[in-house]
Amino acid sequence: MHVGLRRNRLDELIEKIESITIEDVSELANEFFLSDRIAVTVLGNLEGMKLTREQLAC
């Protein structure tokens, strides 16, 4: 493979990744993470921790 061709593809990939917006991520999260099916696992000191269902919702 020609080095120039490989660099161009890498540049294109980086450009596509950098073009992702918060809105894109939010839309995808809302599609895949249904708030009625959310679960959470926590490891560590839980003293004083309060987590509501609303805090977990997308």
Protein backbone atom coordinates (compact mmCIF):
# COMPACT_ATOMS: atom_id res chain seq x y z
CA MET A 1 0.00 0.00 0.00
CA HIS A 2 1.25 3.45 -0.87
CA VAL A 3 2.04 5.56 2.23
CA GLY A 4 0.29 8.67 0.81
CA LEU A 5 -2.95 6.74 0.29
CA ARG A 6 -2.84 5.41 3.84
CA ARG A 7 -2.28 8.90 5.30
CA ASN A 8 -5.23 10.30 3.32
CA ARG A 9 -7.53 7.61 4.71
CA LEU A 10 -6.32 8.29 8.25
CA ASP A 11 -6.90 12.03 7.79
CA GLU A 12 -10.42 11.33 6.54
CA LEU A 13 -11.13 9.07 9.50
CA ILE A 14 -9.90 11.68 11.97
CA GLU A 15 -11.98 14.34 10.24
CA LYS A 16 -15.10 12.18 10.50
CA ILE A 17 -14.49 11.47 14.19
CA GLU A 18 -13.89 15.14 14.95
CA SER A 19 -17.10 16.13 13.15
CA ILE A 20 -19.27 14.21 15.63
CA THR A 21 -21.41 16.60 17.68
CA ILE A 22 -22.97 16.40 21.13
CA GLU A 23 -26.33 16.23 19.37
CA ASP A 24 -25.17 13.17 17.39
CA VAL A 25 -24.14 11.36 20.58
CA SER A 26 -27.33 12.37 22.40
CA GLU A 27 -29.53 11.16 19.54
CA LEU A 28 -27.75 7.81 19.46
CA ALA A 29 -27.93 7.45 23.26
CA ASN A 30 -31.67 8.16 23.21
CA GLU A 31 -32.12 5.46 20.59
CA PHE A 32 -30.18 2.74 22.44
CA PHE A 33 -30.45 3.57 26.14
CA LEU A 34 -34.08 3.33 27.20
CA SER A 35 -34.63 5.00 30.58
CA ASP A 36 -37.08 2.31 31.71
CA ARG A 37 -34.33 -0.30 31.36
CA ILE A 38 -31.41 1.49 32.97
CA ALA A 39 -29.36 -0.25 35.64
CA VAL A 40 -26.31 0.97 37.48
CA THR A 41 -23.45 -0.78 39.25
CA VAL A 42 -21.27 1.12 41.69
CA LEU A 43 -18.09 -0.04 43.36
CA GLY A 44 -16.58 1.79 46.28
CA ASN A 45 -17.65 3.89 49.25
CA LEU A 46 -21.36 4.64 48.81
CA GLU A 47 -21.76 6.66 52.00
CA GLY A 48 -24.08 9.57 51.31
CA MET A 49 -24.69 8.56 47.69
CA LYS A 50 -28.22 9.21 46.45
CA LEU A 51 -29.06 8.45 42.85
CA THR A 52 -32.54 8.91 41.44
CA ARG A 53 -34.06 7.42 38.31
CA GLU A 54 -34.28 10.92 36.83
CA GLN A 55 -30.53 11.38 37.17
CA LEU A 56 -29.99 8.25 35.08
CA ALA A 57 -32.40 9.19 32.29
CA CYS A 58 -30.95 10.28 28.96
